[in-house]
Amino acid sequence: MKQLFSKVLSPTDIEHRLAVPSEILWAFEFDQARRCADFEVKDKHGQTWEFRCSTRKKDFHPKPVVSKGWRKFVKDKGLQAGDKVVFYKDVEGDSSYKIITMKKVFKLFGEEVWLPS
């Protein structure tokens, strides 16, 4: 598994959609006409979640976001602003995706310590 990105969630990520880095667009098979990619992600319990990553249609900078399915995931997992998500992709096998959610527990020697939630 290759880590695609990790992100500390903002209020917008929690309430609306998850903004993701443009650098990870290679990891999705985009429908060029619709400018989106539907994909399934498994959590640590093996539950499958359906998401859609899309980009702006009329903008030079694509600003990708995960929208479809994201709000249900946030609600079901009880995520809050300040929590972290980590996305992975199996680049050598079946091209599957994985997501891990994390909560910040404390700081130790100035470093934040995160535990899977």
C-alpha atoms as a PDB file:
ATOM      1  CA  MET A   1       0.000   0.000   0.000  1.00  0.00           C
ATOM      2  CA  LYS A   2       1.212   3.472  -0.901  1.00  0.00           C
ATOM      3  CA  GLN A   3       0.091   6.405   1.210  1.00  0.00           C
ATOM      4  CA  LEU A   4      -1.653   8.920  -1.043  1.00  0.00           C
ATOM      5  CA  PHE A   5      -2.042  11.649   1.571  1.00  0.00           C
ATOM      6  CA  SER A   6      -2.942  12.414   5.159  1.00  0.00           C
ATOM      7  CA  LYS A   7      -4.910  15.403   6.305  1.00  0.00           C
ATOM      8  CA  VAL A   8      -6.043  17.011   9.536  1.00  0.00           C
ATOM      9  CA  LEU A   9      -9.715  17.743   8.912  1.00  0.00           C
ATOM     10  CA  SER A  10     -10.991  21.311   8.772  1.00  0.00           C
ATOM     11  CA  PRO A  11     -14.573  22.385   9.547  1.00  0.00           C
ATOM     12  CA  THR A  12     -15.243  22.537   5.763  1.00  0.00           C
ATOM     13  CA  ASP A  13     -13.935  18.965   5.385  1.00  0.00           C
ATOM     14  CA  ILE A  14     -16.373  17.851   8.079  1.00  0.00           C
ATOM     15  CA  GLU A  15     -19.430  19.849   7.032  1.00  0.00           C
ATOM     16  CA  HIS A  16     -19.244  19.769   3.227  1.00  0.00           C
ATOM     17  CA  ARG A  17     -16.538  17.875   1.311  1.00  0.00           C
ATOM     18  CA  LEU A  18     -12.955  16.723   1.697  1.00  0.00           C
ATOM     19  CA  ALA A  19     -10.437  18.844  -0.198  1.00  0.00           C
ATOM     20  CA  VAL A  20      -7.577  16.653  -1.423  1.00  0.00           C
ATOM     21  CA  PRO A  21      -4.156  17.472  -2.899  1.00  0.00           C
ATOM     22  CA  SER A  22      -3.959  17.808  -6.700  1.00  0.00           C
ATOM     23  CA  GLU A  23      -0.825  15.658  -6.634  1.00  0.00           C
ATOM     24  CA  ILE A  24      -2.905  12.496  -6.011  1.00  0.00           C
ATOM     25  CA  LEU A  25      -5.117  12.771  -9.102  1.00  0.00           C
ATOM     26  CA  TRP A  26      -2.927  10.134 -10.802  1.00  0.00           C
ATOM     27  CA  ALA A  27      -4.357   7.568  -8.353  1.00  0.00           C
ATOM     28  CA  PHE A  28      -7.881   7.735  -9.813  1.00  0.00           C
ATOM     29  CA  GLU A  29      -9.368   6.682 -13.143  1.00  0.00           C
ATOM     30  CA  PHE A  30     -11.178   9.870 -14.098  1.00  0.00           C
ATOM     31  CA  ASP A  31     -14.147  10.059 -16.439  1.00  0.00           C
ATOM     32  CA  GLN A  32     -12.792  12.975 -18.470  1.00  0.00           C
ATOM     33  CA  ALA A  33     -16.224  14.139 -19.647  1.00  0.00           C
ATOM     34  CA  ARG A  34     -17.658  14.294 -16.117  1.00  0.00           C
ATOM     35  CA  ARG A  35     -14.300  15.154 -14.459  1.00  0.00           C
ATOM     36  CA  CYS A  36     -14.852  12.670 -11.664  1.00  0.00           C
ATOM     37  CA  ALA A  37     -13.915   9.211 -10.450  1.00  0.00           C
ATOM     38  CA  ASP A  38     -16.049   6.929  -8.295  1.00  0.00           C
ATOM     39  CA  PHE A  39     -14.066   4.594  -6.068  1.00  0.00           C
ATOM     40  CA  GLU A  40     -14.501   2.264  -3.086  1.00  0.00           C
ATOM     41  CA  VAL A  41     -12.445   2.522   0.088  1.00  0.00           C
ATOM     42  CA  LYS A  42     -12.139   0.012   2.913  1.00  0.00           C
ATOM     43  CA  ASP A  43     -11.745   1.086   6.526  1.00  0.00           C
ATOM     44  CA  LYS A  44      -9.805  -0.812   9.204  1.00  0.00           C
ATOM     45  CA  HIS A  45     -12.840  -3.021   9.875  1.00  0.00           C
ATOM     46  CA  GLY A  46     -13.132  -4.034   6.220  1.00  0.00           C
ATOM     47  CA  GLN A  47     -16.299  -1.984   5.669  1.00  0.00           C
ATOM     48  CA  THR A  48     -16.547  -0.576   2.143  1.00  0.00           C
ATOM     49  CA  TRP A  49     -17.387   3.086   1.535  1.00  0.00           C
ATOM     50  CA  GLU A  50     -18.242   4.586  -1.860  1.00  0.00           C
ATOM     51  CA  PHE A  51     -16.737   7.984  -2.633  1.00  0.00           C
ATOM     52  CA  ARG A  52     -16.455  10.280  -5.635  1.00  0.00           C
ATOM     53  CA  CYS A  53     -13.448  12.474  -6.338  1.00  0.00           C
ATOM     54  CA  SER A  54     -14.198  15.364  -8.681  1.00  0.00           C
ATOM     55  CA  THR A  55     -12.508  18.472 -10.009  1.00  0.00           C
ATOM     56  CA  ARG A  56     -13.722  21.869 -11.122  1.00  0.00           C
ATOM     57  CA  LYS A  57     -14.923  21.960 -14.706  1.00  0.00           C
ATOM     58  CA  LYS A  58     -13.954  25.513 -15.641  1.00  0.00           C
ATOM     59  CA  ASP A  59     -10.841  26.299 -13.664  1.00  0.00           C
ATOM     60  CA  PHE A  60      -7.147  26.079 -14.489  1.00  0.00           C
ATOM     61  CA  HIS A  61      -6.435  24.681 -10.997  1.00  0.00           C
ATOM     62  CA  PRO A  62      -8.544  21.521 -10.572  1.00  0.00           C
ATOM     63  CA  LYS A  63      -8.963  21.683  -6.747  1.00  0.00           C
ATOM     64  CA  PRO A  64     -10.093  18.053  -6.299  1.00  0.00           C
ATOM     65  CA  VAL A  65     -12.613  17.142  -3.620  1.00  0.00           C
ATOM     66  CA  VAL A  66     -14.195  13.967  -2.299  1.00  0.00           C
ATOM     67  CA  SER A  67     -17.928  14.511  -2.091  1.00  0.00           C
ATOM     68  CA  LYS A  68     -20.303  11.612  -2.745  1.00  0.00           C
ATOM     69  CA  GLY A  69     -20.384   9.371   0.319  1.00  0.00           C
ATOM     70  CA  TRP A  70     -18.038  11.580   2.333  1.00  0.00           C
ATOM     71  CA  ARG A  71     -20.639  13.153   4.677  1.00  0.00           C
ATOM     72  CA  LYS A  72     -22.090   9.724   5.554  1.00  0.00           C
ATOM     73  CA  PHE A  73     -18.583   8.469   6.337  1.00  0.00           C
ATOM     74  CA  VAL A  74     -17.914  11.507   8.576  1.00  0.00           C
ATOM     75  CA  LYS A  75     -21.202  11.044  10.437  1.00  0.00           C
ATOM     76  CA  ASP A  76     -20.895   7.272  10.855  1.00  0.00           C
ATOM     77  CA  LYS A  77     -17.295   7.560  12.097  1.00  0.00           C
ATOM     78  CA  GLY A  78     -18.057  10.523  14.385  1.00  0.00           C
ATOM     79  CA  LEU A  79     -15.264  12.587  12.853  1.00  0.00           C
ATOM     80  CA  GLN A  80     -14.652  16.140  13.996  1.00  0.00           C
ATOM     81  CA  ALA A  81     -12.475  19.039  12.910  1.00  0.00           C
ATOM     82  CA  GLY A  82      -8.944  18.297  14.112  1.00  0.00           C
ATOM     83  CA  ASP A  83      -9.178  14.549  13.454  1.00  0.00           C
ATOM     84  CA  LYS A  84      -6.979  13.046  10.734  1.00  0.00           C
ATOM     85  CA  VAL A  85      -7.616  10.788   7.747  1.00  0.00           C
ATOM     86  CA  VAL A  86      -4.991   8.833   5.833  1.00  0.00           C
ATOM     87  CA  PHE A  87      -5.708   7.468   2.342  1.00  0.00           C
ATOM     88  CA  TYR A  88      -3.772   4.560   0.809  1.00  0.00           C
ATOM     89  CA  LYS A  89      -3.786   2.821  -2.568  1.00  0.00           C
ATOM     90  CA  ASP A  90      -2.562  -0.659  -3.428  1.00  0.00           C
ATOM     91  CA  VAL A  91      -0.334   0.195  -6.399  1.00  0.00           C
ATOM     92  CA  GLU A  92       0.997  -3.319  -7.000  1.00  0.00           C
ATOM     93  CA  GLY A  93      -2.106  -5.475  -6.597  1.00  0.00           C
ATOM     94  CA  ASP A  94      -5.757  -4.831  -7.236  1.00  0.00           C
ATOM     95  CA  SER A  95      -5.617  -0.996  -7.086  1.00  0.00           C
ATOM     96  CA  SER A  96      -7.832  -0.989  -3.988  1.00  0.00           C
ATOM     97  CA  TYR A  97      -8.048   1.967  -1.594  1.00  0.00           C
ATOM     98  CA  LYS A  98      -7.908   2.086   2.197  1.00  0.00           C
ATOM     99  CA  ILE A  99      -8.721   4.827   4.714  1.00  0.00           C
ATOM    100  CA  ILE A 100      -7.639   5.164   8.322  1.00  0.00           C
ATOM    101  CA  THR A 101      -9.127   7.695  10.738  1.00  0.00           C
ATOM    102  CA  MET A 102      -7.084   9.026  13.650  1.00  0.00           C
ATOM    103  CA  LYS A 103      -7.554  11.126  16.770  1.00  0.00           C
ATOM    104  CA  LYS A 104      -4.848  13.320  18.285  1.00  0.00           C
ATOM    105  CA  VAL A 105      -4.132  12.008  21.771  1.00  0.00           C
ATOM    106  CA  PHE A 106      -1.400  14.275  23.150  1.00  0.00           C
ATOM    107  CA  LYS A 107       1.937  15.918  22.426  1.00  0.00           C
ATOM    108  CA  LEU A 108       5.186  14.240  23.391  1.00  0.00           C
ATOM    109  CA  PHE A 109       8.431  16.218  23.138  1.00  0.00           C
ATOM    110  CA  GLY A 110       6.642  18.694  20.864  1.00  0.00           C
ATOM    111  CA  GLU A 111       5.340  15.998  18.484  1.00  0.00           C
ATOM    112  CA  GLU A 112       1.653  15.202  18.127  1.00  0.00           C
ATOM    113  CA  VAL A 113       0.758  11.603  18.896  1.00  0.00           C
ATOM    114  CA  TRP A 114      -2.113  10.133  16.849  1.00  0.00           C
ATOM    115  CA  LEU A 115      -3.977   6.872  17.400  1.00  0.00           C
ATOM    116  CA  PRO A 116      -6.295   5.079  14.973  1.00  0.00           C
ATOM    117  CA  SER A 117      -9.940   5.670  15.827  1.00  0.00           C
END
